[in-house]
Amino acid sequence: MEKAMWLVVAVSMVVVALAPPQAEAAISCGTVANTLSPCINFVLYGGAAPPTSCCEGIKTLYNEATTTADRQAVCSCLKSVASSATPAIISNAAALPGKCGVSIPYKISPSTDCSSVH
């Protein structure tokens, strides 16, 4: 379940990568995990649509990740978890942004280069 929680956080990596840069200070892995906790069941088991609270969390992270440091910090947290997740869990996590109406420029993957996230 802990791996699934971290993979939920992987969704935020993509969401965070799209937010416009502004100040400094990185978002913590704990913040990402807490914000995306409503997504856990969807990430573990899939489904037609994630809960509204999950999509609200994704959109919140997207709006709060205002700096490159924020986006890269989230990316690093998620990448480490995604590297040990099952393909099904990664697939479910990767589907979340699209199902929540958030457009992302790359696929959630353990091979994401976090240094290229701006």
PDB file of N, CA and C in Angstrom:
ATOM      1  N   MET A   1       0.830  -1.184   0.000  1.00  0.00           N
ATOM      2  CA  MET A   1       0.000   0.000   0.000  1.00  0.00           C
ATOM      3  C   MET A   1       0.871   1.243   0.000  1.00  0.00           C
ATOM      4  N   GLU A   2       2.039   1.179   0.671  1.00  0.00           N
ATOM      5  CA  GLU A   2       2.936   2.335   0.701  1.00  0.00           C
ATOM      6  C   GLU A   2       3.455   2.633  -0.699  1.00  0.00           C
ATOM      7  N   LYS A   3       3.771   1.589  -1.478  1.00  0.00           N
ATOM      8  CA  LYS A   3       4.216   1.802  -2.855  1.00  0.00           C
ATOM      9  C   LYS A   3       3.114   2.464  -3.665  1.00  0.00           C
ATOM     10  N   ALA A   4       1.895   2.047  -3.441  1.00  0.00           N
ATOM     11  CA  ALA A   4       0.770   2.641  -4.169  1.00  0.00           C
ATOM     12  C   ALA A   4       0.621   4.108  -3.806  1.00  0.00           C
ATOM     13  N   MET A   5       0.799   4.422  -2.544  1.00  0.00           N
ATOM     14  CA  MET A   5       0.692   5.816  -2.097  1.00  0.00           C
ATOM     15  C   MET A   5       1.736   6.653  -2.806  1.00  0.00           C
ATOM     16  N   TRP A   6       2.934   6.140  -2.890  1.00  0.00           N
ATOM     17  CA  TRP A   6       3.993   6.885  -3.562  1.00  0.00           C
ATOM     18  C   TRP A   6       3.731   6.991  -5.053  1.00  0.00           C
ATOM     19  N   LEU A   7       3.131   5.993  -5.628  1.00  0.00           N
ATOM     20  CA  LEU A   7       2.845   6.081  -7.053  1.00  0.00           C
ATOM     21  C   LEU A   7       1.763   7.100  -7.316  1.00  0.00           C
ATOM     22  N   VAL A   8       0.839   7.222  -6.401  1.00  0.00           N
ATOM     23  CA  VAL A   8      -0.161   8.268  -6.523  1.00  0.00           C
ATOM     24  C   VAL A   8       0.563   9.598  -6.595  1.00  0.00           C
ATOM     25  N   VAL A   9       1.601   9.681  -5.830  1.00  0.00           N
ATOM     26  CA  VAL A   9       2.407  10.881  -5.828  1.00  0.00           C
ATOM     27  C   VAL A   9       3.042  11.073  -7.217  1.00  0.00           C
ATOM     28  N   ALA A  10       3.286   9.986  -7.916  1.00  0.00           N
ATOM     29  CA  ALA A  10       3.857  10.088  -9.253  1.00  0.00           C
ATOM     30  C   ALA A  10       2.974  10.882 -10.187  1.00  0.00           C
ATOM     31  N   VAL A  11       1.707  10.765  -9.983  1.00  0.00           N
ATOM     32  CA  VAL A  11       0.783  11.547 -10.796  1.00  0.00           C
ATOM     33  C   VAL A  11       1.075  13.024 -10.623  1.00  0.00           C
ATOM     34  N   SER A  12       1.363  13.390  -9.395  1.00  0.00           N
ATOM     35  CA  SER A  12       1.632  14.799  -9.147  1.00  0.00           C
ATOM     36  C   SER A  12       2.897  15.258  -9.850  1.00  0.00           C
ATOM     37  N   MET A  13       3.827  14.338 -10.063  1.00  0.00           N
ATOM     38  CA  MET A  13       5.054  14.698 -10.764  1.00  0.00           C
ATOM     39  C   MET A  13       4.706  15.322 -12.108  1.00  0.00           C
ATOM     40  N   VAL A  14       3.824  14.694 -12.804  1.00  0.00           N
ATOM     41  CA  VAL A  14       3.429  15.189 -14.113  1.00  0.00           C
ATOM     42  C   VAL A  14       2.669  16.502 -13.973  1.00  0.00           C
ATOM     43  N   VAL A  15       1.764  16.520 -13.040  1.00  0.00           N
ATOM     44  CA  VAL A  15       0.963  17.724 -12.823  1.00  0.00           C
ATOM     45  C   VAL A  15       1.862  18.884 -12.432  1.00  0.00           C
ATOM     46  N   VAL A  16       2.787  18.616 -11.541  1.00  0.00           N
ATOM     47  CA  VAL A  16       3.687  19.646 -11.047  1.00  0.00           C
ATOM     48  C   VAL A  16       4.604  20.145 -12.160  1.00  0.00           C
ATOM     49  N   ALA A  17       4.953  19.286 -13.076  1.00  0.00           N
ATOM     50  CA  ALA A  17       5.848  19.679 -14.159  1.00  0.00           C
ATOM     51  C   ALA A  17       5.239  20.736 -15.076  1.00  0.00           C
ATOM     52  N   LEU A  18       3.948  20.877 -15.030  1.00  0.00           N
ATOM     53  CA  LEU A  18       3.281  21.819 -15.925  1.00  0.00           C
ATOM     54  C   LEU A  18       2.999  23.178 -15.310  1.00  0.00           C
ATOM     55  N   ALA A  19       3.111  23.279 -14.021  1.00  0.00           N
ATOM     56  CA  ALA A  19       2.770  24.540 -13.360  1.00  0.00           C
ATOM     57  C   ALA A  19       3.820  25.599 -13.684  1.00  0.00           C
ATOM     58  N   PRO A  20       3.419  26.862 -13.800  1.00  0.00           N
ATOM     59  CA  PRO A  20       4.352  27.926 -14.138  1.00  0.00           C
ATOM     60  C   PRO A  20       5.342  28.230 -13.004  1.00  0.00           C
ATOM     61  N   PRO A  21       6.613  28.530 -13.336  1.00  0.00           N
ATOM     62  CA  PRO A  21       7.606  28.831 -12.314  1.00  0.00           C
ATOM     63  C   PRO A  21       7.389  30.200 -11.662  1.00  0.00           C
ATOM     64  N   GLN A  22       7.802  30.355 -10.379  1.00  0.00           N
ATOM     65  CA  GLN A  22       7.708  31.636  -9.700  1.00  0.00           C
ATOM     66  C   GLN A  22       8.809  31.779  -8.650  1.00  0.00           C
ATOM     67  N   ALA A  23       8.556  31.328  -7.440  1.00  0.00           N
ATOM     68  CA  ALA A  23       9.493  31.539  -6.339  1.00  0.00           C
ATOM     69  C   ALA A  23      10.391  30.335  -6.117  1.00  0.00           C
ATOM     70  N   GLU A  24      10.895  30.190  -4.868  1.00  0.00           N
ATOM     71  CA  GLU A  24      11.683  29.018  -4.536  1.00  0.00           C
ATOM     72  C   GLU A  24      10.900  28.151  -3.574  1.00  0.00           C
ATOM     73  N   ALA A  25      11.530  27.189  -2.943  1.00  0.00           N
ATOM     74  CA  ALA A  25      10.919  26.267  -1.986  1.00  0.00           C
ATOM     75  C   ALA A  25      10.254  25.092  -2.692  1.00  0.00           C
ATOM     76  N   ALA A  26      10.661  23.925  -2.297  1.00  0.00           N
ATOM     77  CA  ALA A  26      10.152  22.713  -2.932  1.00  0.00           C
ATOM     78  C   ALA A  26       9.005  22.113  -2.127  1.00  0.00           C
ATOM     79  N   ILE A  27       8.079  21.502  -2.827  1.00  0.00           N
ATOM     80  CA  ILE A  27       6.983  20.770  -2.209  1.00  0.00           C
ATOM     81  C   ILE A  27       7.551  19.451  -1.685  1.00  0.00           C
ATOM     82  N   SER A  28       7.190  19.083  -0.466  1.00  0.00           N
ATOM     83  CA  SER A  28       7.718  17.855   0.132  1.00  0.00           C
ATOM     84  C   SER A  28       6.957  16.623  -0.355  1.00  0.00           C
ATOM     85  N   CYS A  29       7.595  15.476  -0.218  1.00  0.00           N
ATOM     86  CA  CYS A  29       6.942  14.213  -0.573  1.00  0.00           C
ATOM     87  C   CYS A  29       5.727  13.973   0.314  1.00  0.00           C
ATOM     88  N   GLY A  30       5.809  14.390   1.559  1.00  0.00           N
ATOM     89  CA  GLY A  30       4.675  14.251   2.463  1.00  0.00           C
ATOM     90  C   GLY A  30       3.476  15.053   2.002  1.00  0.00           C
ATOM     91  N   THR A  31       3.720  16.259   1.540  1.00  0.00           N
ATOM     92  CA  THR A  31       2.637  17.104   1.030  1.00  0.00           C
ATOM     93  C   THR A  31       1.986  16.466  -0.185  1.00  0.00           C
ATOM     94  N   VAL A  32       2.800  15.947  -1.074  1.00  0.00           N
ATOM     95  CA  VAL A  32       2.276  15.304  -2.280  1.00  0.00           C
ATOM     96  C   VAL A  32       1.441  14.087  -1.900  1.00  0.00           C
ATOM     97  N   ALA A  33       1.962  13.264  -1.014  1.00  0.00           N
ATOM     98  CA  ALA A  33       1.250  12.054  -0.602  1.00  0.00           C
ATOM     99  C   ALA A  33      -0.083  12.396   0.064  1.00  0.00           C
ATOM    100  N   ASN A  34      -0.072  13.383   0.930  1.00  0.00           N
ATOM    101  CA  ASN A  34      -1.318  13.781   1.598  1.00  0.00           C
ATOM    102  C   ASN A  34      -2.336  14.331   0.610  1.00  0.00           C
ATOM    103  N   THR A  35      -1.879  15.144  -0.313  1.00  0.00           N
ATOM    104  CA  THR A  35      -2.793  15.760  -1.281  1.00  0.00           C
ATOM    105  C   THR A  35      -3.416  14.717  -2.207  1.00  0.00           C
ATOM    106  N   LEU A  36      -2.643  13.695  -2.536  1.00  0.00           N
ATOM    107  CA  LEU A  36      -3.126  12.685  -3.473  1.00  0.00           C
ATOM    108  C   LEU A  36      -3.666  11.423  -2.807  1.00  0.00           C
ATOM    109  N   SER A  37      -3.770  11.412  -1.497  1.00  0.00           N
ATOM    110  CA  SER A  37      -4.251  10.213  -0.807  1.00  0.00           C
ATOM    111  C   SER A  37      -5.640   9.748  -1.274  1.00  0.00           C
ATOM    112  N   PRO A  38      -6.536  10.652  -1.703  1.00  0.00           N
ATOM    113  CA  PRO A  38      -7.833  10.160  -2.206  1.00  0.00           C
ATOM    114  C   PRO A  38      -7.715   9.340  -3.501  1.00  0.00           C
ATOM    115  N   CYS A  39      -6.546   9.317  -4.102  1.00  0.00           N
ATOM    116  CA  CYS A  39      -6.347   8.593  -5.365  1.00  0.00           C
ATOM    117  C   CYS A  39      -5.883   7.148  -5.169  1.00  0.00           C
ATOM    118  N   ILE A  40      -5.618   6.749  -3.942  1.00  0.00           N
ATOM    119  CA  ILE A  40      -4.996   5.445  -3.695  1.00  0.00           C
ATOM    120  C   ILE A  40      -5.794   4.283  -4.279  1.00  0.00           C
ATOM    121  N   ASN A  41      -7.081   4.221  -4.024  1.00  0.00           N
ATOM    122  CA  ASN A  41      -7.870   3.093  -4.534  1.00  0.00           C
ATOM    123  C   ASN A  41      -7.865   3.037  -6.057  1.00  0.00           C
ATOM    124  N   PHE A  42      -7.924   4.202  -6.707  1.00  0.00           N
ATOM    125  CA  PHE A  42      -7.885   4.208  -8.165  1.00  0.00           C
ATOM    126  C   PHE A  42      -6.533   3.687  -8.661  1.00  0.00           C
ATOM    127  N   VAL A  43      -5.457   4.116  -8.024  1.00  0.00           N
ATOM    128  CA  VAL A  43      -4.127   3.679  -8.446  1.00  0.00           C
ATOM    129  C   VAL A  43      -3.966   2.172  -8.235  1.00  0.00           C
ATOM    130  N   LEU A  44      -4.472   1.668  -7.138  1.00  0.00           N
ATOM    131  CA  LEU A  44      -4.346   0.236  -6.851  1.00  0.00           C
ATOM    132  C   LEU A  44      -5.229  -0.629  -7.734  1.00  0.00           C
ATOM    133  N   TYR A  45      -6.472  -0.185  -7.972  1.00  0.00           N
ATOM    134  CA  TYR A  45      -7.455  -1.057  -8.607  1.00  0.00           C
ATOM    135  C   TYR A  45      -7.991  -0.555  -9.945  1.00  0.00           C
ATOM    136  N   GLY A  46      -7.661   0.675 -10.329  1.00  0.00           N
ATOM    137  CA  GLY A  46      -8.166   1.228 -11.576  1.00  0.00           C
ATOM    138  C   GLY A  46      -9.643   1.563 -11.472  1.00  0.00           C
ATOM    139  N   GLY A  47     -10.272   1.722 -12.602  1.00  0.00           N
ATOM    140  CA  GLY A  47     -11.695   2.032 -12.619  1.00  0.00           C
ATOM    141  C   GLY A  47     -12.023   2.985 -13.747  1.00  0.00           C
ATOM    142  N   ALA A  48     -13.304   3.231 -13.918  1.00  0.00           N
ATOM    143  CA  ALA A  48     -13.756   4.115 -14.998  1.00  0.00           C
ATOM    144  C   ALA A  48     -13.375   5.564 -14.733  1.00  0.00           C
ATOM    145  N   ALA A  49     -13.496   5.976 -13.478  1.00  0.00           N
ATOM    146  CA  ALA A  49     -13.201   7.377 -13.144  1.00  0.00           C
ATOM    147  C   ALA A  49     -12.694   7.454 -11.701  1.00  0.00           C
ATOM    148  N   PRO A  50     -11.701   8.280 -11.469  1.00  0.00           N
ATOM    149  CA  PRO A  50     -11.223   8.472 -10.096  1.00  0.00           C
ATOM    150  C   PRO A  50     -12.232   9.311  -9.308  1.00  0.00           C
ATOM    151  N   PRO A  51     -12.175   9.244  -7.978  1.00  0.00           N
ATOM    152  CA  PRO A  51     -13.082  10.063  -7.173  1.00  0.00           C
ATOM    153  C   PRO A  51     -12.834  11.557  -7.399  1.00  0.00           C
ATOM    154  N   THR A  52     -13.858  12.349  -7.210  1.00  0.00           N
ATOM    155  CA  THR A  52     -13.747  13.800  -7.344  1.00  0.00           C
ATOM    156  C   THR A  52     -12.644  14.354  -6.442  1.00  0.00           C
ATOM    157  N   SER A  53     -12.540  13.821  -5.227  1.00  0.00           N
ATOM    158  CA  SER A  53     -11.515  14.303  -4.290  1.00  0.00           C
ATOM    159  C   SER A  53     -10.107  14.035  -4.805  1.00  0.00           C
ATOM    160  N   CYS A  54      -9.932  12.974  -5.557  1.00  0.00           N
ATOM    161  CA  CYS A  54      -8.633  12.670  -6.167  1.00  0.00           C
ATOM    162  C   CYS A  54      -8.295  13.740  -7.207  1.00  0.00           C
ATOM    163  N   CYS A  55      -9.245  14.018  -8.083  1.00  0.00           N
ATOM    164  CA  CYS A  55      -9.011  15.029  -9.119  1.00  0.00           C
ATOM    165  C   CYS A  55      -8.787  16.411  -8.510  1.00  0.00           C
ATOM    166  N   GLU A  56      -9.482  16.704  -7.440  1.00  0.00           N
ATOM    167  CA  GLU A  56      -9.260  17.976  -6.747  1.00  0.00           C
ATOM    168  C   GLU A  56      -7.828  18.050  -6.228  1.00  0.00           C
ATOM    169  N   GLY A  57      -7.313  16.931  -5.711  1.00  0.00           N
ATOM    170  CA  GLY A  57      -5.933  16.889  -5.239  1.00  0.00           C
ATOM    171  C   GLY A  57      -4.936  17.107  -6.363  1.00  0.00           C
ATOM    172  N   ILE A  58      -5.175  16.477  -7.492  1.00  0.00           N
ATOM    173  CA  ILE A  58      -4.282  16.647  -8.646  1.00  0.00           C
ATOM    174  C   ILE A  58      -4.271  18.107  -9.098  1.00  0.00           C
ATOM    175  N   LYS A  59      -5.437  18.699  -9.176  1.00  0.00           N
ATOM    176  CA  LYS A  59      -5.529  20.102  -9.603  1.00  0.00           C
ATOM    177  C   LYS A  59      -4.901  21.040  -8.576  1.00  0.00           C
ATOM    178  N   THR A  60      -5.038  20.711  -7.305  1.00  0.00           N
ATOM    179  CA  THR A  60      -4.409  21.515  -6.251  1.00  0.00           C
ATOM    180  C   THR A  60      -2.891  21.489  -6.387  1.00  0.00           C
ATOM    181  N   LEU A  61      -2.328  20.304  -6.574  1.00  0.00           N
ATOM    182  CA  LEU A  61      -0.873  20.210  -6.739  1.00  0.00           C
ATOM    183  C   LEU A  61      -0.409  20.967  -7.973  1.00  0.00           C
ATOM    184  N   TYR A  62      -1.151  20.829  -9.046  1.00  0.00           N
ATOM    185  CA  TYR A  62      -0.821  21.547 -10.274  1.00  0.00           C
ATOM    186  C   TYR A  62      -0.728  23.047 -10.004  1.00  0.00           C
ATOM    187  N   ASN A  63      -1.679  23.572  -9.262  1.00  0.00           N
ATOM    188  CA  ASN A  63      -1.715  25.007  -8.974  1.00  0.00           C
ATOM    189  C   ASN A  63      -0.688  25.444  -7.937  1.00  0.00           C
ATOM    190  N   GLU A  64      -0.294  24.543  -7.053  1.00  0.00           N
ATOM    191  CA  GLU A  64       0.654  24.898  -5.998  1.00  0.00           C
ATOM    192  C   GLU A  64       2.118  24.744  -6.405  1.00  0.00           C
ATOM    193  N   ALA A  65       2.390  23.967  -7.403  1.00  0.00           N
ATOM    194  CA  ALA A  65       3.770  23.744  -7.842  1.00  0.00           C
ATOM    195  C   ALA A  65       4.184  24.895  -8.750  1.00  0.00           C
ATOM    196  N   THR A  66       4.677  25.947  -8.127  1.00  0.00           N
ATOM    197  CA  THR A  66       4.910  27.180  -8.873  1.00  0.00           C
ATOM    198  C   THR A  66       6.359  27.384  -9.301  1.00  0.00           C
ATOM    199  N   THR A  67       7.267  26.550  -8.825  1.00  0.00           N
ATOM    200  CA  THR A  67       8.672  26.740  -9.181  1.00  0.00           C
ATOM    201  C   THR A  67       9.255  25.472  -9.797  1.00  0.00           C
ATOM    202  N   THR A  68      10.368  25.640 -10.473  1.00  0.00           N
ATOM    203  CA  THR A  68      11.089  24.484 -11.001  1.00  0.00           C
ATOM    204  C   THR A  68      11.509  23.576  -9.852  1.00  0.00           C
ATOM    205  N   ALA A  69      11.948  24.162  -8.740  1.00  0.00           N
ATOM    206  CA  ALA A  69      12.349  23.364  -7.576  1.00  0.00           C
ATOM    207  C   ALA A  69      11.185  22.519  -7.061  1.00  0.00           C
ATOM    208  N   ASP A  70       9.987  23.097  -7.013  1.00  0.00           N
ATOM    209  CA  ASP A  70       8.802  22.337  -6.593  1.00  0.00           C
ATOM    210  C   ASP A  70       8.592  21.132  -7.511  1.00  0.00           C
ATOM    211  N   ARG A  71       8.585  21.383  -8.790  1.00  0.00           N
ATOM    212  CA  ARG A  71       8.299  20.330  -9.767  1.00  0.00           C
ATOM    213  C   ARG A  71       9.368  19.250  -9.757  1.00  0.00           C
ATOM    214  N   GLN A  72      10.626  19.626  -9.642  1.00  0.00           N
ATOM    215  CA  GLN A  72      11.690  18.631  -9.622  1.00  0.00           C
ATOM    216  C   GLN A  72      11.699  17.829  -8.327  1.00  0.00           C
ATOM    217  N   ALA A  73      11.351  18.455  -7.209  1.00  0.00           N
ATOM    218  CA  ALA A  73      11.285  17.740  -5.933  1.00  0.00           C
ATOM    219  C   ALA A  73      10.200  16.668  -5.979  1.00  0.00           C
ATOM    220  N   VAL A  74       9.037  17.037  -6.505  1.00  0.00           N
ATOM    221  CA  VAL A  74       7.949  16.062  -6.617  1.00  0.00           C
ATOM    222  C   VAL A  74       8.360  14.940  -7.557  1.00  0.00           C
ATOM    223  N   CYS A  75       8.955  15.295  -8.654  1.00  0.00           N
ATOM    224  CA  CYS A  75       9.420  14.309  -9.622  1.00  0.00           C
ATOM    225  C   CYS A  75      10.356  13.297  -8.962  1.00  0.00           C
ATOM    226  N   SER A  76      11.302  13.772  -8.192  1.00  0.00           N
ATOM    227  CA  SER A  76      12.269  12.886  -7.547  1.00  0.00           C
ATOM    228  C   SER A  76      11.601  11.926  -6.564  1.00  0.00           C
ATOM    229  N   CYS A  77      10.638  12.432  -5.802  1.00  0.00           N
ATOM    230  CA  CYS A  77       9.901  11.570  -4.866  1.00  0.00           C
ATOM    231  C   CYS A  77       9.169  10.470  -5.624  1.00  0.00           C
ATOM    232  N   LEU A  78       8.491  10.860  -6.664  1.00  0.00           N
ATOM    233  CA  LEU A  78       7.672   9.923  -7.411  1.00  0.00           C
ATOM    234  C   LEU A  78       8.488   8.919  -8.196  1.00  0.00           C
ATOM    235  N   LYS A  79       9.564   9.373  -8.751  1.00  0.00           N
ATOM    236  CA  LYS A  79      10.408   8.484  -9.549  1.00  0.00           C
ATOM    237  C   LYS A  79      10.943   7.350  -8.689  1.00  0.00           C
ATOM    238  N   SER A  80      11.344   7.655  -7.468  1.00  0.00           N
ATOM    239  CA  SER A  80      11.893   6.609  -6.604  1.00  0.00           C
ATOM    240  C   SER A  80      10.830   5.570  -6.251  1.00  0.00           C
ATOM    241  N   VAL A  81       9.597   5.977  -6.096  1.00  0.00           N
ATOM    242  CA  VAL A  81       8.518   5.045  -5.789  1.00  0.00           C
ATOM    243  C   VAL A  81       8.081   4.283  -7.037  1.00  0.00           C
ATOM    244  N   ALA A  82       7.949   4.998  -8.145  1.00  0.00           N
ATOM    245  CA  ALA A  82       7.499   4.369  -9.389  1.00  0.00           C
ATOM    246  C   ALA A  82       8.458   3.278  -9.844  1.00  0.00           C
ATOM    247  N   SER A  83       9.729   3.424  -9.502  1.00  0.00           N
ATOM    248  CA  SER A  83      10.709   2.433  -9.950  1.00  0.00           C
ATOM    249  C   SER A  83      10.467   1.063  -9.333  1.00  0.00           C
ATOM    250  N   SER A  84       9.720   1.000  -8.231  1.00  0.00           N
ATOM    251  CA  SER A  84       9.451  -0.296  -7.612  1.00  0.00           C
ATOM    252  C   SER A  84       7.973  -0.695  -7.699  1.00  0.00           C
ATOM    253  N   ALA A  85       7.171   0.066  -8.436  1.00  0.00           N
ATOM    254  CA  ALA A  85       5.746  -0.239  -8.577  1.00  0.00           C
ATOM    255  C   ALA A  85       5.517  -1.231  -9.714  1.00  0.00           C
ATOM    256  N   THR A  86       4.385  -1.904  -9.657  1.00  0.00           N
ATOM    257  CA  THR A  86       4.033  -2.840 -10.721  1.00  0.00           C
ATOM    258  C   THR A  86       3.591  -2.069 -11.968  1.00  0.00           C
ATOM    259  N   PRO A  87       3.684  -2.688 -13.127  1.00  0.00           N
ATOM    260  CA  PRO A  87       3.217  -2.020 -14.354  1.00  0.00           C
ATOM    261  C   PRO A  87       1.745  -1.604 -14.276  1.00  0.00           C
ATOM    262  N   ALA A  88       0.899  -2.394 -13.642  1.00  0.00           N
ATOM    263  CA  ALA A  88      -0.521  -2.040 -13.540  1.00  0.00           C
ATOM    264  C   ALA A  88      -0.713  -0.777 -12.707  1.00  0.00           C
ATOM    265  N   ILE A  89       0.014  -0.668 -11.622  1.00  0.00           N
ATOM    266  CA  ILE A  89      -0.091   0.514 -10.766  1.00  0.00           C
ATOM    267  C   ILE A  89       0.428   1.742 -11.503  1.00  0.00           C
ATOM    268  N   ILE A  90       1.538   1.598 -12.208  1.00  0.00           N
ATOM    269  CA  ILE A  90       2.083   2.712 -12.981  1.00  0.00           C
ATOM    270  C   ILE A  90       1.074   3.144 -14.041  1.00  0.00           C
ATOM    271  N   SER A  91       0.457   2.185 -14.699  1.00  0.00           N
ATOM    272  CA  SER A  91      -0.536   2.496 -15.729  1.00  0.00           C
ATOM    273  C   SER A  91      -1.730   3.251 -15.142  1.00  0.00           C
ATOM    274  N   ASN A  92      -2.215   2.806 -13.995  1.00  0.00           N
ATOM    275  CA  ASN A  92      -3.344   3.487 -13.357  1.00  0.00           C
ATOM    276  C   ASN A  92      -2.959   4.908 -12.939  1.00  0.00           C
ATOM    277  N   ALA A  93      -1.776   5.061 -12.391  1.00  0.00           N
ATOM    278  CA  ALA A  93      -1.317   6.390 -11.987  1.00  0.00           C
ATOM    279  C   ALA A  93      -1.156   7.300 -13.194  1.00  0.00           C
ATOM    280  N   ALA A  94      -0.609   6.761 -14.272  1.00  0.00           N
ATOM    281  CA  ALA A  94      -0.405   7.554 -15.486  1.00  0.00           C
ATOM    282  C   ALA A  94      -1.727   8.012 -16.092  1.00  0.00           C
ATOM    283  N   ALA A  95      -2.785   7.261 -15.855  1.00  0.00           N
ATOM    284  CA  ALA A  95      -4.095   7.607 -16.408  1.00  0.00           C
ATOM    285  C   ALA A  95      -4.786   8.731 -15.639  1.00  0.00           C
ATOM    286  N   LEU A  96      -4.387   8.949 -14.398  1.00  0.00           N
ATOM    287  CA  LEU A  96      -5.092   9.917 -13.556  1.00  0.00           C
ATOM    288  C   LEU A  96      -5.174  11.335 -14.111  1.00  0.00           C
ATOM    289  N   PRO A  97      -4.081  11.944 -14.529  1.00  0.00           N
ATOM    290  CA  PRO A  97      -4.196  13.331 -15.000  1.00  0.00           C
ATOM    291  C   PRO A  97      -5.214  13.496 -16.123  1.00  0.00           C
ATOM    292  N   GLY A  98      -5.169  12.631 -17.108  1.00  0.00           N
ATOM    293  CA  GLY A  98      -6.126  12.709 -18.212  1.00  0.00           C
ATOM    294  C   GLY A  98      -7.557  12.511 -17.752  1.00  0.00           C
ATOM    295  N   LYS A  99      -7.765  11.571 -16.841  1.00  0.00           N
ATOM    296  CA  LYS A  99      -9.115  11.319 -16.333  1.00  0.00           C
ATOM    297  C   LYS A  99      -9.619  12.469 -15.483  1.00  0.00           C
ATOM    298  N   CYS A 100      -8.686  13.284 -14.983  1.00  0.00           N
ATOM    299  CA  CYS A 100      -9.070  14.440 -14.165  1.00  0.00           C
ATOM    300  C   CYS A 100      -9.061  15.739 -14.967  1.00  0.00           C
ATOM    301  N   GLY A 101      -8.819  15.650 -16.268  1.00  0.00           N
ATOM    302  CA  GLY A 101      -8.861  16.835 -17.115  1.00  0.00           C
ATOM    303  C   GLY A 101      -7.629  17.711 -17.035  1.00  0.00           C
ATOM    304  N   VAL A 102      -6.513  17.127 -16.607  1.00  0.00           N
ATOM    305  CA  VAL A 102      -5.257  17.873 -16.532  1.00  0.00           C
ATOM    306  C   VAL A 102      -4.351  17.347 -17.641  1.00  0.00           C
ATOM    307  N   SER A 103      -3.892  18.230 -18.499  1.00  0.00           N
ATOM    308  CA  SER A 103      -3.038  17.842 -19.620  1.00  0.00           C
ATOM    309  C   SER A 103      -1.575  17.854 -19.196  1.00  0.00           C
ATOM    310  N   ILE A 104      -0.882  16.748 -19.444  1.00  0.00           N
ATOM    311  CA  ILE A 104       0.531  16.652 -19.084  1.00  0.00           C
ATOM    312  C   ILE A 104       1.371  16.361 -20.328  1.00  0.00           C
ATOM    313  N   PRO A 105       2.635  16.842 -20.348  1.00  0.00           N
ATOM    314  CA  PRO A 105       3.462  16.718 -21.547  1.00  0.00           C
ATOM    315  C   PRO A 105       4.247  15.410 -21.666  1.00  0.00           C
ATOM    316  N   TYR A 106       4.188  14.535 -20.664  1.00  0.00           N
ATOM    317  CA  TYR A 106       4.910  13.272 -20.739  1.00  0.00           C
ATOM    318  C   TYR A 106       4.201  12.232 -19.886  1.00  0.00           C
ATOM    319  N   LYS A 107       4.573  10.986 -20.111  1.00  0.00           N
ATOM    320  CA  LYS A 107       3.958   9.873 -19.401  1.00  0.00           C
ATOM    321  C   LYS A 107       4.636   9.663 -18.052  1.00  0.00           C
ATOM    322  N   ILE A 108       3.862   9.293 -17.065  1.00  0.00           N
ATOM    323  CA  ILE A 108       4.430   8.933 -15.771  1.00  0.00           C
ATOM    324  C   ILE A 108       5.205   7.636 -15.956  1.00  0.00           C
ATOM    325  N   SER A 109       6.469   7.666 -15.555  1.00  0.00           N
ATOM    326  CA  SER A 109       7.343   6.523 -15.781  1.00  0.00           C
ATOM    327  C   SER A 109       8.527   6.555 -14.827  1.00  0.00           C
ATOM    328  N   PRO A 110       9.025   5.377 -14.438  1.00  0.00           N
ATOM    329  CA  PRO A 110      10.217   5.344 -13.589  1.00  0.00           C
ATOM    330  C   PRO A 110      11.472   5.855 -14.308  1.00  0.00           C
ATOM    331  N   SER A 111      11.390   6.014 -15.618  1.00  0.00           N
ATOM    332  CA  SER A 111      12.564   6.493 -16.362  1.00  0.00           C
ATOM    333  C   SER A 111      12.529   7.991 -16.639  1.00  0.00           C
ATOM    334  N   THR A 112      11.610   8.704 -16.028  1.00  0.00           N
ATOM    335  CA  THR A 112      11.509  10.151 -16.229  1.00  0.00           C
ATOM    336  C   THR A 112      12.783  10.835 -15.756  1.00  0.00           C
ATOM    337  N   ASP A 113      13.296  11.754 -16.546  1.00  0.00           N
ATOM    338  CA  ASP A 113      14.467  12.540 -16.185  1.00  0.00           C
ATOM    339  C   ASP A 113      13.996  13.796 -15.449  1.00  0.00           C
ATOM    340  N   CYS A 114      14.077  13.761 -14.114  1.00  0.00           N
ATOM    341  CA  CYS A 114      13.563  14.868 -13.317  1.00  0.00           C
ATOM    342  C   CYS A 114      14.325  16.171 -13.561  1.00  0.00           C
ATOM    343  N   SER A 115      15.556  16.092 -14.002  1.00  0.00           N
ATOM    344  CA  SER A 115      16.310  17.325 -14.250  1.00  0.00           C
ATOM    345  C   SER A 115      15.771  18.075 -15.469  1.00  0.00           C
ATOM    346  N   SER A 116      14.987  17.394 -16.291  1.00  0.00           N
ATOM    347  CA  SER A 116      14.408  18.059 -17.467  1.00  0.00           C
ATOM    348  C   SER A 116      13.048  18.680 -17.157  1.00  0.00           C
ATOM    349  N   VAL A 117      12.567  18.506 -15.941  1.00  0.00           N
ATOM    350  CA  VAL A 117      11.294  19.084 -15.528  1.00  0.00           C
ATOM    351  C   VAL A 117      11.527  20.537 -15.133  1.00  0.00           C
ATOM    352  N   HIS A 118      10.839  21.454 -15.795  1.00  0.00           N
ATOM    353  CA  HIS A 118      11.025  22.890 -15.505  1.00  0.00           C
ATOM    354  C   HIS A 118       9.753  23.578 -15.132  1.00  0.00           C
TER     355      HIS A 118
END
